[in-house]
């Protein structure tokens, strides 16, 4: 709309995490951008899951699209991820997380919470126990986010606590553990979360905290 994109010179249009982009309200923006590229070019959609909405976009903006699946048939998670869950009372989750960190001694652990408030409470609790942890809230400024990401990449931070939206775009090697502090209500969100570990052939641990009333979600 501000005429900042040089549409005439674009050769490649790639949408990463396209399923989540659709989920959080970028449908019309995607359609505007793809629809504005009138000349021949390459279009690539990258996604952990393929929804009917993505297929509809592909048919509308792609010519003879090819599906390059990188997951095993009928499987959205890789075998290198050891997936476990732990039963816990809601009031005891922070203490359990401390125990898991001390037992596992992760090189880098990514902890997913549902809300920013929970992220802050968990981080504060860990720091009081002399466990170096940082949060990555969705409303964090870019400069502050860059500092946290640099600490991660430099190996100076071992526990990062984030919400699903804030964790989008995290590209950090060596995440050895993913903890679902809060159970996601959507199985596809679970797939996205644990996909942060066991990359490039490495092994990984995925641990989910489950309270008594969440049995159906499991």
Protein backbone atom coordinates (compact mmCIF):
# COMPACT_ATOMS: atom_id res chain seq x y z
CA UNK A 1 0.00 0.00 0.00
CA UNK A 2 2.96 2.29 0.61
CA UNK A 3 4.57 1.10 -2.64
CA UNK A 4 7.72 -0.06 -0.81
CA UNK A 5 7.88 -3.52 -2.40
CA UNK A 6 9.57 -3.63 -5.83
CA UNK A 7 7.00 -6.01 -7.30
CA UNK A 8 8.35 -5.75 -10.85
CA UNK A 9 11.72 -7.16 -9.78
CA UNK A 10 10.53 -9.98 -7.50
CA UNK A 11 11.69 -13.43 -8.59
CA UNK A 12 10.78 -15.40 -5.48
CA UNK A 13 7.89 -15.08 -3.02
CA UNK A 14 8.26 -17.30 0.05
CA UNK A 15 5.79 -17.49 2.92
CA UNK A 16 7.34 -19.13 5.98
CA UNK A 17 5.05 -20.45 8.76
CA UNK A 18 2.15 -19.78 6.41
CA UNK A 19 -0.36 -21.75 8.50
CA UNK A 20 0.31 -19.55 11.53
CA UNK A 21 0.22 -16.40 9.40
CA UNK A 22 -3.29 -17.38 8.35
CA UNK A 23 -4.26 -18.17 11.95
CA UNK A 24 -3.25 -14.78 13.32
CA UNK A 25 -5.02 -12.68 10.74
CA UNK A 26 -2.78 -12.12 7.73
CA UNK A 27 -5.11 -13.67 5.12
CA UNK A 28 -5.90 -10.44 3.31
CA UNK A 29 -2.31 -9.19 3.43
CA UNK A 30 -1.10 -12.44 1.87
CA UNK A 31 -3.70 -12.22 -0.87
CA UNK A 32 -2.82 -8.59 -1.62
CA UNK A 33 0.90 -9.29 -1.87
CA UNK A 34 0.64 -12.46 -3.93
CA UNK A 35 -2.05 -10.94 -6.12
CA UNK A 36 0.11 -7.92 -6.88
CA UNK A 37 2.87 -10.03 -8.48
CA UNK A 38 1.65 -10.28 -12.05
CA UNK A 39 4.77 -11.60 -13.80
CA UNK A 40 6.25 -15.10 -13.78
CA UNK A 41 8.02 -15.98 -10.52
CA UNK A 42 8.62 -18.78 -8.02
CA UNK A 43 6.25 -19.12 -5.07
CA UNK A 44 7.02 -21.26 -2.02
CA UNK A 45 4.84 -21.97 1.02
CA UNK A 46 6.57 -23.44 4.10
CA UNK A 47 4.29 -24.93 6.73
CA UNK A 48 4.22 -27.64 9.40
CA UNK A 49 0.62 -28.43 8.48
CA UNK A 50 -1.40 -28.08 5.27
CA UNK A 51 -4.91 -26.77 5.90
CA UNK A 52 -7.72 -26.40 3.34
CA UNK A 53 -7.08 -22.64 3.43
CA UNK A 54 -3.45 -23.15 2.38
CA UNK A 55 -4.51 -25.51 -0.41
CA UNK A 56 -6.97 -22.85 -1.59
CA UNK A 57 -4.20 -20.24 -1.66
CA UNK A 58 -1.92 -22.62 -3.54
CA UNK A 59 -4.53 -23.26 -6.22
CA UNK A 60 -5.17 -19.55 -6.60
CA UNK A 61 -1.59 -18.27 -6.73
CA UNK A 62 0.50 -21.25 -7.87
CA UNK A 63 0.88 -22.99 -11.22
CA UNK A 64 1.09 -26.78 -10.92
CA UNK A 65 2.35 -26.67 -7.30
CA UNK A 66 4.51 -29.55 -6.09
CA UNK A 67 4.16 -30.88 -2.53
CA UNK A 68 7.62 -31.43 -1.03
CA UNK A 69 6.81 -33.13 2.28
CA UNK A 70 9.68 -33.51 4.73
CA UNK A 71 7.78 -35.54 7.34
CA UNK A 72 7.02 -39.25 7.42
CA UNK A 73 3.70 -40.36 6.02
CA UNK A 74 0.84 -39.91 8.51
CA UNK A 75 3.29 -38.45 11.02
CA UNK A 76 3.73 -34.78 11.91
CA UNK A 77 6.51 -35.33 14.44
CA UNK A 78 9.95 -36.82 13.94
CA UNK A 79 11.10 -40.00 15.63
CA UNK A 80 14.16 -38.27 17.13
CA UNK A 81 11.91 -36.43 19.59
CA UNK A 82 11.33 -38.40 22.79
CA UNK A 83 7.82 -37.30 23.82
CA UNK A 84 6.68 -37.67 27.42
CA UNK A 85 4.13 -36.11 29.74
CA UNK A 86 4.07 -35.59 33.50
CA UNK A 87 0.97 -35.44 35.67
CA UNK A 88 1.07 -32.43 37.99
CA UNK A 89 -1.26 -30.28 40.06
CA UNK A 90 -1.61 -26.70 38.73
CA UNK A 91 -0.03 -25.17 41.84
CA UNK A 92 3.02 -27.47 41.60
CA UNK A 93 4.06 -26.84 37.99
CA UNK A 94 6.81 -24.33 38.78
CA UNK A 95 8.47 -26.67 41.26
CA UNK A 96 8.25 -29.52 38.76
CA UNK A 97 9.91 -27.36 36.09
CA UNK A 98 12.79 -26.62 38.46
CA UNK A 99 13.23 -30.34 39.09
CA UNK A 100 13.17 -31.12 35.36
CA UNK A 101 15.83 -28.48 34.65
CA UNK A 102 18.10 -29.78 37.40
CA UNK A 103 17.63 -33.39 36.32
CA UNK A 104 17.96 -32.87 32.56
CA UNK A 105 20.66 -30.16 32.63
CA UNK A 106 19.58 -28.89 29.18
CA UNK A 107 21.94 -27.20 26.79
CA UNK A 108 18.99 -25.08 25.74
CA UNK A 109 15.40 -25.49 26.91
CA UNK A 110 12.38 -23.75 25.37
CA UNK A 111 9.40 -23.51 27.75
CA UNK A 112 5.98 -22.72 26.27
CA UNK A 113 3.34 -20.96 28.35
CA UNK A 114 -0.09 -19.83 27.25
CA UNK A 115 0.07 -16.23 28.47
CA UNK A 116 2.62 -13.48 29.01
CA UNK A 117 1.70 -13.32 32.72
CA UNK A 118 2.53 -17.00 33.16
CA UNK A 119 5.83 -16.54 31.30
CA UNK A 120 6.81 -13.75 33.71
CA UNK A 121 5.82 -15.71 36.82
CA UNK A 122 7.73 -18.81 35.71
CA UNK A 123 10.82 -16.77 34.82
CA UNK A 124 10.79 -14.96 38.17
CA UNK A 125 10.42 -18.27 40.04
CA UNK A 126 13.38 -19.80 38.21
CA UNK A 127 15.59 -16.75 38.72
CA UNK A 128 14.86 -16.84 42.46
CA UNK A 129 16.25 -20.39 42.42
CA UNK A 130 19.41 -19.17 40.65
CA UNK A 131 18.35 -20.67 37.32
CA UNK A 132 19.17 -18.23 34.52
CA UNK A 133 15.97 -17.85 32.52
CA UNK A 134 14.62 -15.15 30.22
CA UNK A 135 11.21 -14.51 28.73
CA UNK A 136 10.37 -13.70 25.14
CA UNK A 137 6.95 -12.00 25.27
CA UNK A 138 5.10 -11.13 22.07
CA UNK A 139 5.17 -7.41 22.89
CA UNK A 140 8.94 -7.27 23.41
CA UNK A 141 10.72 -4.50 21.50
CA UNK A 142 12.95 -5.56 18.61
CA UNK A 143 16.21 -4.37 20.21
CA UNK A 144 15.42 -6.25 23.43
CA UNK A 145 14.44 -9.35 21.46
CA UNK A 146 17.73 -9.15 19.53
CA UNK A 147 19.68 -9.09 22.81
CA UNK A 148 17.88 -12.21 24.08
CA UNK A 149 18.45 -13.99 20.77
CA UNK A 150 22.16 -13.11 20.86
CA UNK A 151 22.46 -14.60 24.35
CA UNK A 152 20.78 -17.75 23.04
CA UNK A 153 23.06 -18.08 20.04
CA UNK A 154 26.16 -17.36 22.14
CA UNK A 155 25.25 -20.15 24.56
CA UNK A 156 24.85 -17.74 27.49
CA UNK A 157 21.19 -18.60 28.11
CA UNK A 158 19.91 -22.10 28.85
CA UNK A 159 16.19 -21.56 29.54
CA UNK A 160 13.91 -19.42 27.38
CA UNK A 161 10.23 -19.00 28.26
CA UNK A 162 7.87 -17.89 25.51
CA UNK A 163 4.31 -17.83 24.29
CA UNK A 164 3.44 -19.43 20.94
CA UNK A 165 3.23 -16.12 19.11
CA UNK A 166 6.51 -14.82 20.57
CA UNK A 167 8.33 -18.02 19.63
CA UNK A 168 7.50 -17.62 15.95
CA UNK A 169 10.64 -17.04 13.94
CA UNK A 170 13.01 -18.39 16.58
CA UNK A 171 15.83 -19.91 14.55
CA UNK A 172 18.28 -21.22 17.11
CA UNK A 173 20.35 -24.35 16.76
CA UNK A 174 20.82 -26.78 19.61
CA UNK A 175 17.45 -26.65 21.40
CA UNK A 176 17.67 -29.92 23.32
CA UNK A 177 14.43 -29.70 25.32
CA UNK A 178 10.94 -28.33 24.75
CA UNK A 179 8.61 -28.13 27.75
CA UNK A 180 4.89 -27.60 27.29
CA UNK A 181 4.28 -25.87 30.62
CA UNK A 182 0.71 -25.28 29.46
CA UNK A 183 -1.00 -27.90 27.30
CA UNK A 184 -1.91 -26.44 23.89
CA UNK A 185 -5.55 -26.86 22.95
CA UNK A 186 -4.72 -27.40 19.28
CA UNK A 187 -2.67 -30.48 18.29
CA UNK A 188 -1.08 -28.49 15.46
CA UNK A 189 0.30 -26.01 17.99
CA UNK A 190 1.86 -28.95 19.82
CA UNK A 191 3.51 -30.05 16.57
CA UNK A 192 4.94 -26.57 16.06
CA UNK A 193 6.24 -26.39 19.61
CA UNK A 194 8.10 -29.67 19.74
CA UNK A 195 9.41 -29.14 16.21
CA UNK A 196 11.86 -26.66 17.73
CA UNK A 197 14.01 -29.55 18.94
CA UNK A 198 15.54 -32.59 17.20
CA UNK A 199 16.48 -30.60 14.11
CA UNK A 200 19.04 -31.63 11.50
CA UNK A 201 19.09 -35.21 12.73
CA UNK A 202 19.74 -34.42 16.40
CA UNK A 203 17.81 -35.98 19.27
CA UNK A 204 15.46 -33.95 21.46
CA UNK A 205 13.20 -34.16 24.49
CA UNK A 206 9.60 -32.94 24.53
CA UNK A 207 7.95 -32.85 27.95
CA UNK A 208 4.34 -31.83 28.63
CA UNK A 209 2.91 -30.89 32.03
CA UNK A 210 -0.62 -32.20 32.36
CA UNK A 211 -3.02 -31.26 35.16
CA UNK A 212 -5.80 -33.70 36.21
CA UNK A 213 -8.54 -31.89 34.27
CA UNK A 214 -6.51 -31.91 31.03
CA UNK A 215 -6.65 -35.64 30.35
CA UNK A 216 -8.95 -35.16 27.36
CA UNK A 217 -6.52 -32.70 25.76
CA UNK A 218 -3.73 -35.29 25.92
